[in-house]
C-alpha atoms as a PDB file:
ATOM      1  CA  MET A   1      11.638  12.423  14.963  1.00  0.00           C
ATOM      2  CA  CYS A   2       8.254  12.484  16.612  1.00  0.00           C
ATOM      3  CA  PHE A   3       5.612   9.795  16.724  1.00  0.00           C
ATOM      4  CA  LEU A   4       2.386  11.195  15.285  1.00  0.00           C
ATOM      5  CA  LYS A   5      -1.210  10.213  15.816  1.00  0.00           C
ATOM      6  CA  LEU A   6      -3.904  11.712  13.630  1.00  0.00           C
ATOM      7  CA  ILE A   7      -7.661  11.522  14.026  1.00  0.00           C
ATOM      8  CA  PHE A   8      -9.753  11.123  10.886  1.00  0.00           C
ATOM      9  CA  VAL A   9     -13.426  11.957  10.648  1.00  0.00           C
ATOM     10  CA  LYS A  10     -15.415  11.380   7.458  1.00  0.00           C
ATOM     11  CA  PHE A  11     -18.926  12.738   7.157  1.00  0.00           C
ATOM     12  CA  VAL A  12     -21.304  11.741   4.345  1.00  0.00           C
ATOM     13  CA  THR A  13     -24.660  13.501   4.399  1.00  0.00           C
ATOM     14  CA  HIS A  14     -27.869  12.006   3.077  1.00  0.00           C
ATOM     15  CA  LYS A  15     -27.596  14.354   0.082  1.00  0.00           C
ATOM     16  CA  GLU A  16     -24.180  13.072  -1.014  1.00  0.00           C
ATOM     17  CA  LYS A  17     -23.806  10.045  -3.237  1.00  0.00           C
ATOM     18  CA  MET A  18     -21.218   7.729  -1.755  1.00  0.00           C
ATOM     19  CA  PRO A  19     -18.406   6.929  -4.245  1.00  0.00           C
ATOM     20  CA  GLU A  20     -18.176   3.321  -5.412  1.00  0.00           C
ATOM     21  CA  VAL A  21     -15.021   1.217  -5.673  1.00  0.00           C
ATOM     22  CA  ILE A  22     -14.651  -1.967  -7.732  1.00  0.00           C
ATOM     23  CA  TYR A  23     -13.024  -4.599  -5.494  1.00  0.00           C
ATOM     24  CA  GLU A  24     -10.927  -7.545  -6.710  1.00  0.00           C
ATOM     25  CA  ASN A  25      -8.935 -10.059  -4.701  1.00  0.00           C
ATOM     26  CA  LEU A  26      -6.224 -11.403  -7.035  1.00  0.00           C
ATOM     27  CA  GLY A  27      -4.862 -13.946  -4.540  1.00  0.00           C
ATOM     28  CA  LEU A  28      -1.194 -14.934  -4.910  1.00  0.00           C
ATOM     29  CA  ILE A  29      -0.148 -13.336  -8.196  1.00  0.00           C
ATOM     30  CA  ASP A  30       3.159 -12.691  -9.960  1.00  0.00           C
ATOM     31  CA  TYR A  31       4.303  -9.115  -9.341  1.00  0.00           C
ATOM     32  CA  LYS A  32       4.712  -8.218 -13.025  1.00  0.00           C
ATOM     33  CA  GLU A  33       1.286  -9.603 -13.872  1.00  0.00           C
ATOM     34  CA  ALA A  34      -0.320  -7.473 -11.153  1.00  0.00           C
ATOM     35  CA  TRP A  35       1.732  -4.423 -12.164  1.00  0.00           C
ATOM     36  CA  ASP A  36       0.624  -4.778 -15.796  1.00  0.00           C
ATOM     37  CA  TYR A  37      -2.998  -5.081 -14.681  1.00  0.00           C
ATOM     38  CA  GLN A  38      -2.677  -1.969 -12.518  1.00  0.00           C
ATOM     39  CA  GLU A  39      -1.108  -0.080 -15.418  1.00  0.00           C
ATOM     40  CA  LYS A  40      -3.958  -1.066 -17.719  1.00  0.00           C
ATOM     41  CA  ILE A  41      -6.604   0.261 -15.308  1.00  0.00           C
ATOM     42  CA  PHE A  42      -4.534   3.338 -14.431  1.00  0.00           C
ATOM     43  CA  ARG A  43      -3.863   4.304 -18.047  1.00  0.00           C
ATOM     44  CA  SER A  44      -7.499   3.750 -19.022  1.00  0.00           C
ATOM     45  CA  THR A  45      -8.645   6.001 -16.171  1.00  0.00           C
ATOM     46  CA  VAL A  46      -6.147   8.763 -16.990  1.00  0.00           C
ATOM     47  CA  ASN A  47      -7.073   8.651 -20.691  1.00  0.00           C
ATOM     48  CA  LEU A  48     -10.760   8.883 -19.835  1.00  0.00           C
ATOM     49  CA  LYS A  49     -10.097  11.976 -17.696  1.00  0.00           C
ATOM     50  CA  ILE A  50      -8.255  13.574 -20.609  1.00  0.00           C
ATOM     51  CA  SER A  51     -11.168  12.781 -22.928  1.00  0.00           C
ATOM     52  CA  VAL A  52     -13.628  14.319 -20.464  1.00  0.00           C
ATOM     53  CA  ARG A  53     -11.491  17.422 -20.142  1.00  0.00           C
ATOM     54  CA  ASN A  54     -11.336  17.734 -23.946  1.00  0.00           C
ATOM     55  CA  GLY A  55     -15.115  17.492 -24.174  1.00  0.00           C
ATOM     56  CA  GLU A  56     -15.000  14.180 -26.052  1.00  0.00           C
ATOM     57  CA  THR A  57     -17.106  12.244 -23.525  1.00  0.00           C
ATOM     58  CA  THR A  58     -19.074  12.682 -20.309  1.00  0.00           C
ATOM     59  CA  GLU A  59     -18.380   9.140 -19.076  1.00  0.00           C
ATOM     60  CA  ALA A  60     -17.436   9.045 -15.396  1.00  0.00           C
ATOM     61  CA  THR A  61     -14.215   7.435 -14.219  1.00  0.00           C
ATOM     62  CA  LYS A  62     -14.354   4.347 -11.992  1.00  0.00           C
ATOM     63  CA  ASN A  63     -12.372   3.549  -8.858  1.00  0.00           C
ATOM     64  CA  HIS A  64     -10.685   0.172  -8.352  1.00  0.00           C
ATOM     65  CA  ILE A  65      -8.918  -1.553  -5.483  1.00  0.00           C
ATOM     66  CA  LEU A  66      -6.864  -4.736  -5.817  1.00  0.00           C
ATOM     67  CA  PHE A  67      -5.923  -6.971  -2.871  1.00  0.00           C
ATOM     68  CA  CYS A  68      -3.269  -9.654  -3.365  1.00  0.00           C
ATOM     69  CA  GLU A  69      -0.077 -11.364  -2.248  1.00  0.00           C
ATOM     70  CA  HIS A  70       3.080 -11.806  -4.337  1.00  0.00           C
ATOM     71  CA  PRO A  71       5.797 -14.446  -4.605  1.00  0.00           C
ATOM     72  CA  HIS A  72       9.134 -13.183  -3.245  1.00  0.00           C
ATOM     73  CA  VAL A  73      10.029  -9.950  -5.042  1.00  0.00           C
ATOM     74  CA  TYR A  74      12.001  -6.765  -4.432  1.00  0.00           C
ATOM     75  CA  THR A  75      10.810  -3.513  -5.991  1.00  0.00           C
ATOM     76  CA  LEU A  76      12.754  -0.272  -6.294  1.00  0.00           C
ATOM     77  CA  GLY A  77      10.954   3.068  -6.527  1.00  0.00           C
ATOM     78  CA  LYS A  78      12.044   5.728  -9.001  1.00  0.00           C
ATOM     79  CA  SER A  79      13.780   7.762  -6.274  1.00  0.00           C
ATOM     80  CA  GLY A  80      15.552   4.723  -4.847  1.00  0.00           C
ATOM     81  CA  ASP A  81      19.139   3.471  -4.952  1.00  0.00           C
ATOM     82  CA  LYS A  82      19.813  -0.014  -6.342  1.00  0.00           C
ATOM     83  CA  GLU A  83      22.724  -0.257  -3.879  1.00  0.00           C
ATOM     84  CA  ASN A  84      20.029  -0.879  -1.249  1.00  0.00           C
ATOM     85  CA  LEU A  85      19.486  -4.316  -2.843  1.00  0.00           C
ATOM     86  CA  LEU A  86      22.163  -6.525  -1.293  1.00  0.00           C
ATOM     87  CA  LEU A  87      21.737  -9.472  -3.679  1.00  0.00           C
ATOM     88  CA  ASP A  88      23.155 -10.045  -7.148  1.00  0.00           C
ATOM     89  CA  GLU A  89      21.326 -11.917  -9.903  1.00  0.00           C
ATOM     90  CA  THR A  90      22.628 -15.306  -8.755  1.00  0.00           C
ATOM     91  CA  SER A  91      21.640 -14.675  -5.128  1.00  0.00           C
ATOM     92  CA  LEU A  92      18.173 -13.524  -6.188  1.00  0.00           C
ATOM     93  CA  ALA A  93      17.650 -16.828  -7.984  1.00  0.00           C
ATOM     94  CA  GLU A  94      18.974 -18.799  -5.016  1.00  0.00           C
ATOM     95  CA  ASN A  95      16.360 -17.066  -2.833  1.00  0.00           C
ATOM     96  CA  ASN A  96      13.558 -17.681  -5.370  1.00  0.00           C
ATOM     97  CA  ALA A  97      13.136 -13.911  -5.644  1.00  0.00           C
ATOM     98  CA  THR A  98      12.818 -11.431  -8.489  1.00  0.00           C
ATOM     99  CA  PHE A  99      13.603  -7.724  -8.785  1.00  0.00           C
ATOM    100  CA  TYR A 100      11.868  -4.849 -10.565  1.00  0.00           C
ATOM    101  CA  ALA A 101      12.654  -1.147 -10.846  1.00  0.00           C
ATOM    102  CA  ILE A 102       9.208   0.416 -10.950  1.00  0.00           C
ATOM    103  CA  ASN A 103       7.404   3.753 -11.283  1.00  0.00           C
ATOM    104  CA  ARG A 104       6.185   4.425  -7.737  1.00  0.00           C
ATOM    105  CA  GLY A 105       7.729   6.791  -5.229  1.00  0.00           C
ATOM    106  CA  GLY A 106      10.020   5.611  -2.459  1.00  0.00           C
ATOM    107  CA  ASP A 107      13.052   3.345  -2.311  1.00  0.00           C
ATOM    108  CA  ILE A 108      13.344  -0.446  -2.135  1.00  0.00           C
ATOM    109  CA  THR A 109      10.913  -2.809  -0.457  1.00  0.00           C
ATOM    110  CA  TYR A 110      10.037  -6.495  -0.330  1.00  0.00           C
ATOM    111  CA  HIS A 111       6.781  -8.286  -1.131  1.00  0.00           C
ATOM    112  CA  GLY A 112       6.139 -11.948  -0.490  1.00  0.00           C
ATOM    113  CA  PRO A 113       3.643 -14.570   0.697  1.00  0.00           C
ATOM    114  CA  GLY A 114       2.021 -13.560   3.968  1.00  0.00           C
ATOM    115  CA  GLN A 115       2.203  -9.865   3.173  1.00  0.00           C
ATOM    116  CA  LEU A 116      -1.110  -8.183   2.340  1.00  0.00           C
ATOM    117  CA  VAL A 117      -0.678  -5.935  -0.688  1.00  0.00           C
ATOM    118  CA  VAL A 118      -3.340  -3.354  -1.541  1.00  0.00           C
ATOM    119  CA  TYR A 119      -3.401  -1.353  -4.778  1.00  0.00           C
ATOM    120  CA  PRO A 120      -6.026   1.431  -4.836  1.00  0.00           C
ATOM    121  CA  ILE A 121      -6.459   2.850  -8.351  1.00  0.00           C
ATOM    122  CA  PHE A 122      -8.577   5.818  -7.350  1.00  0.00           C
ATOM    123  CA  ASP A 123      -9.565   8.967  -9.163  1.00  0.00           C
ATOM    124  CA  LEU A 124      -9.030  11.292  -6.226  1.00  0.00           C
ATOM    125  CA  ASP A 125     -11.423  13.808  -7.787  1.00  0.00           C
ATOM    126  CA  HIS A 126     -14.094  11.497  -6.329  1.00  0.00           C
ATOM    127  CA  PHE A 127     -12.643  12.049  -2.847  1.00  0.00           C
ATOM    128  CA  PHE A 128     -10.143  14.903  -2.366  1.00  0.00           C
ATOM    129  CA  SER A 129      -7.261  16.300  -4.404  1.00  0.00           C
ATOM    130  CA  ASP A 130      -4.510  15.914  -1.802  1.00  0.00           C
ATOM    131  CA  ILE A 131      -1.797  13.251  -2.076  1.00  0.00           C
ATOM    132  CA  HIS A 132      -0.495  13.949   1.438  1.00  0.00           C
ATOM    133  CA  LYS A 133      -3.962  13.332   2.857  1.00  0.00           C
ATOM    134  CA  TYR A 134      -4.323  10.237   0.664  1.00  0.00           C
ATOM    135  CA  LEU A 135      -1.127   8.726   2.105  1.00  0.00           C
ATOM    136  CA  ARG A 136      -2.255   9.495   5.638  1.00  0.00           C
ATOM    137  CA  PHE A 137      -5.586   7.728   4.988  1.00  0.00           C
ATOM    138  CA  LEU A 138      -3.757   4.616   3.742  1.00  0.00           C
ATOM    139  CA  GLU A 139      -1.604   4.647   6.873  1.00  0.00           C
ATOM    140  CA  GLU A 140      -4.616   5.180   9.106  1.00  0.00           C
ATOM    141  CA  ALA A 141      -6.410   2.130   7.683  1.00  0.00           C
ATOM    142  CA  VAL A 142      -3.473  -0.027   8.793  1.00  0.00           C
ATOM    143  CA  ILE A 143      -3.145   1.744  12.163  1.00  0.00           C
ATOM    144  CA  LEU A 144      -6.836   1.133  12.916  1.00  0.00           C
ATOM    145  CA  THR A 145      -6.546  -2.501  11.786  1.00  0.00           C
ATOM    146  CA  LEU A 146      -3.613  -3.095  14.127  1.00  0.00           C
ATOM    147  CA  GLU A 147      -5.531  -1.433  16.939  1.00  0.00           C
ATOM    148  CA  ASP A 148      -8.297  -4.032  16.502  1.00  0.00           C
ATOM    149  CA  TYR A 149      -5.662  -6.703  17.204  1.00  0.00           C
ATOM    150  CA  GLY A 150      -4.272  -4.939  20.254  1.00  0.00           C
ATOM    151  CA  ILE A 151      -1.161  -3.588  18.512  1.00  0.00           C
ATOM    152  CA  LYS A 152      -0.373   0.097  19.063  1.00  0.00           C
ATOM    153  CA  SER A 153       1.190   1.710  16.006  1.00  0.00           C
ATOM    154  CA  GLY A 154       1.557   5.097  14.377  1.00  0.00           C
ATOM    155  CA  ARG A 155       3.710   7.330  12.205  1.00  0.00           C
ATOM    156  CA  VAL A 156       7.267   8.643  12.272  1.00  0.00           C
ATOM    157  CA  ASP A 157       7.598  12.261  11.201  1.00  0.00           C
ATOM    158  CA  GLY A 158       9.021  12.457   7.684  1.00  0.00           C
ATOM    159  CA  LEU A 159       8.821   8.709   6.983  1.00  0.00           C
ATOM    160  CA  THR A 160       5.805   7.347   5.108  1.00  0.00           C
ATOM    161  CA  GLY A 161       4.444   4.052   6.442  1.00  0.00           C
ATOM    162  CA  VAL A 162       3.261   2.533   9.718  1.00  0.00           C
ATOM    163  CA  TRP A 163       5.577   1.932  12.660  1.00  0.00           C
ATOM    164  CA  ILE A 164       5.581   0.344  16.093  1.00  0.00           C
ATOM    165  CA  ASP A 165       7.530   2.164  18.839  1.00  0.00           C
ATOM    166  CA  GLY A 166       8.213   4.831  16.242  1.00  0.00           C
ATOM    167  CA  ASP A 167       9.791   7.280  18.704  1.00  0.00           C
ATOM    168  CA  LEU A 168      11.975   4.690  20.451  1.00  0.00           C
ATOM    169  CA  PRO A 169      15.256   2.889  19.650  1.00  0.00           C
ATOM    170  CA  THR A 170      13.112  -0.251  19.189  1.00  0.00           C
ATOM    171  CA  ALA A 171      11.236   1.350  16.237  1.00  0.00           C
ATOM    172  CA  ARG A 172      10.176  -1.195  13.648  1.00  0.00           C
ATOM    173  CA  LYS A 173       8.205  -0.833  10.424  1.00  0.00           C
ATOM    174  CA  ILE A 174       5.172  -3.030   9.854  1.00  0.00           C
ATOM    175  CA  CYS A 175       3.762  -1.447   6.703  1.00  0.00           C
ATOM    176  CA  ALA A 176       5.407   0.218   3.695  1.00  0.00           C
ATOM    177  CA  ILE A 177       3.502   2.578   1.417  1.00  0.00           C
ATOM    178  CA  GLY A 178       4.530   3.860  -2.004  1.00  0.00           C
ATOM    179  CA  VAL A 179       2.302   5.371  -4.668  1.00  0.00           C
ATOM    180  CA  LYS A 180       2.243   6.945  -8.102  1.00  0.00           C
ATOM    181  CA  SER A 181      -0.225   9.639  -9.137  1.00  0.00           C
ATOM    182  CA  SER A 182      -1.049  11.353 -12.424  1.00  0.00           C
ATOM    183  CA  ARG A 183      -4.013  13.705 -12.974  1.00  0.00           C
ATOM    184  CA  TRP A 184      -5.113  12.693  -9.443  1.00  0.00           C
ATOM    185  CA  VAL A 185      -5.304   8.996 -10.418  1.00  0.00           C
ATOM    186  CA  THR A 186      -3.339   6.706  -8.073  1.00  0.00           C
ATOM    187  CA  MET A 187      -1.657   3.315  -8.344  1.00  0.00           C
ATOM    188  CA  HIS A 188       0.649   1.107  -6.232  1.00  0.00           C
ATOM    189  CA  GLY A 189      -0.093   1.298  -2.497  1.00  0.00           C
ATOM    190  CA  ILE A 190       0.299  -0.758   0.678  1.00  0.00           C
ATOM    191  CA  GLY A 191       2.617  -3.611   1.676  1.00  0.00           C
ATOM    192  CA  PHE A 192       1.403  -4.766   5.108  1.00  0.00           C
ATOM    193  CA  ASN A 193       3.496  -7.414   6.902  1.00  0.00           C
ATOM    194  CA  VAL A 194       0.996  -9.874   8.314  1.00  0.00           C
ATOM    195  CA  ASN A 195       2.717 -13.284   8.221  1.00  0.00           C
ATOM    196  CA  SER A 196       5.722 -12.201   6.127  1.00  0.00           C
ATOM    197  CA  ASP A 197       9.012 -14.136   6.120  1.00  0.00           C
ATOM    198  CA  LEU A 198      11.054 -11.294   7.600  1.00  0.00           C
ATOM    199  CA  SER A 199      14.377 -12.928   6.705  1.00  0.00           C
ATOM    200  CA  TYR A 200      13.923 -11.560   3.182  1.00  0.00           C
ATOM    201  CA  PHE A 201      14.284  -8.019   4.514  1.00  0.00           C
ATOM    202  CA  SER A 202      17.889  -8.849   5.494  1.00  0.00           C
ATOM    203  CA  HIS A 203      18.788  -8.741   1.799  1.00  0.00           C
ATOM    204  CA  ILE A 204      17.868  -5.072   1.418  1.00  0.00           C
ATOM    205  CA  ILE A 205      18.121  -1.753   3.240  1.00  0.00           C
ATOM    206  CA  PRO A 206      14.329  -1.365   3.537  1.00  0.00           C
ATOM    207  CA  CYS A 207      13.148   1.959   2.102  1.00  0.00           C
ATOM    208  CA  GLY A 208      16.790   3.056   2.287  1.00  0.00           C
ATOM    209  CA  ILE A 209      16.556   3.371   6.095  1.00  0.00           C
ATOM    210  CA  GLN A 210      19.512   1.689   7.784  1.00  0.00           C
ATOM    211  CA  ASP A 211      18.768   2.223  11.483  1.00  0.00           C
ATOM    212  CA  LYS A 212      15.262   0.774  11.822  1.00  0.00           C
ATOM    213  CA  ALA A 213      13.977  -2.797  11.921  1.00  0.00           C
ATOM    214  CA  VAL A 214      10.949  -4.414  10.297  1.00  0.00           C
ATOM    215  CA  THR A 215       8.279  -6.540  11.908  1.00  0.00           C
ATOM    216  CA  SER A 216       4.999  -8.321  11.188  1.00  0.00           C
ATOM    217  CA  MET A 217       1.734  -9.026  12.963  1.00  0.00           C
ATOM    218  CA  GLU A 218       2.863 -12.632  13.386  1.00  0.00           C
ATOM    219  CA  ARG A 219       6.043 -11.535  15.173  1.00  0.00           C
ATOM    220  CA  GLU A 220       4.256  -9.007  17.374  1.00  0.00           C
ATOM    221  CA  LEU A 221       1.458 -11.376  18.404  1.00  0.00           C
ATOM    222  CA  GLY A 222       3.364 -14.659  18.365  1.00  0.00           C
ATOM    223  CA  ARG A 223       0.836 -16.335  16.083  1.00  0.00           C
ATOM    224  CA  LYS A 224      -0.188 -16.464  12.465  1.00  0.00           C
ATOM    225  CA  ILE A 225      -3.081 -14.302  11.309  1.00  0.00           C
ATOM    226  CA  ASP A 226      -5.764 -15.557   8.953  1.00  0.00           C
ATOM    227  CA  MET A 227      -5.202 -13.665   5.679  1.00  0.00           C
ATOM    228  CA  GLN A 228      -8.863 -13.704   4.692  1.00  0.00           C
ATOM    229  CA  GLU A 229      -9.766 -12.243   8.072  1.00  0.00           C
ATOM    230  CA  ILE A 230      -7.193  -9.430   7.877  1.00  0.00           C
ATOM    231  CA  THR A 231      -8.232  -8.664   4.306  1.00  0.00           C
ATOM    232  CA  LYS A 232     -11.810  -8.095   5.449  1.00  0.00           C
ATOM    233  CA  VAL A 233     -10.682  -5.794   8.252  1.00  0.00           C
ATOM    234  CA  VAL A 234      -8.421  -3.643   6.045  1.00  0.00           C
ATOM    235  CA  LYS A 235     -11.082  -3.565   3.345  1.00  0.00           C
ATOM    236  CA  THR A 236     -13.634  -2.228   5.843  1.00  0.00           C
ATOM    237  CA  LYS A 237     -11.249   0.344   7.354  1.00  0.00           C
ATOM    238  CA  LEU A 238     -10.421   1.797   3.943  1.00  0.00           C
ATOM    239  CA  ALA A 239     -14.091   2.086   2.956  1.00  0.00           C
ATOM    240  CA  ASP A 240     -14.953   3.778   6.257  1.00  0.00           C
ATOM    241  CA  LEU A 241     -12.103   6.287   6.025  1.00  0.00           C
ATOM    242  CA  PHE A 242     -12.626   7.254   2.387  1.00  0.00           C
ATOM    243  CA  GLY A 243     -16.410   7.031   2.631  1.00  0.00           C
ATOM    244  CA  TYR A 244     -17.096   4.664  -0.268  1.00  0.00           C
ATOM    245  CA  SER A 245     -19.023   1.470  -0.939  1.00  0.00           C
ATOM    246  CA  TYR A 246     -17.781  -1.610  -2.774  1.00  0.00           C
ATOM    247  CA  LEU A 247     -18.805  -3.120  -6.083  1.00  0.00           C
ATOM    248  CA  GLU A 248     -17.717  -6.773  -6.302  1.00  0.00           C
END
């Protein structure tokens, strides 16, 4: 595996209209409640695109981004293996955790308090029609955020997400990314370990990868990070990379 670093440049000329994104911070919210809300926006956007294509309307689609945290929950992507969850129903309850098999890509991951979760529901026709590039932009927003805090991170070839020491035996994952896309509309997104309780990762094989550890900003820096502060930084990095402005 090789540790990759990519450079992103986004140019917006004075003749281009910058895309707009509706921003919402949902705070600490139950996973299923947030998932249902995502699905509502996603389905509405996809249906509008179908209506436009059929000549039934000329209404433009809107882009949304949701920031939040979740109570303890494990989610399994559609390509994942439930054997990577090491808890049964009783043990889940004892750990105050829930479990959902969901419709994103990827395997199993954990969300919980202290982890910044970001759900972009973008119509990529406003940006670029390239899911690979989209994933790299999400990763880059986290990489640039970590750089601001003095943490060097990057990619591991063939493994989506953000890693520290990705080409070394000490490789550890700090951010998981899993998405769904239909008609170039996205949902799901980023799980960024800021002040996460990392003990919860011991109950799964994260992303189905057995030989790599997980970490958080708190562990790397030896101090807690203000969640409002990190939210602002990630929010800015995403807007800069994709070249959009926020509607709040």
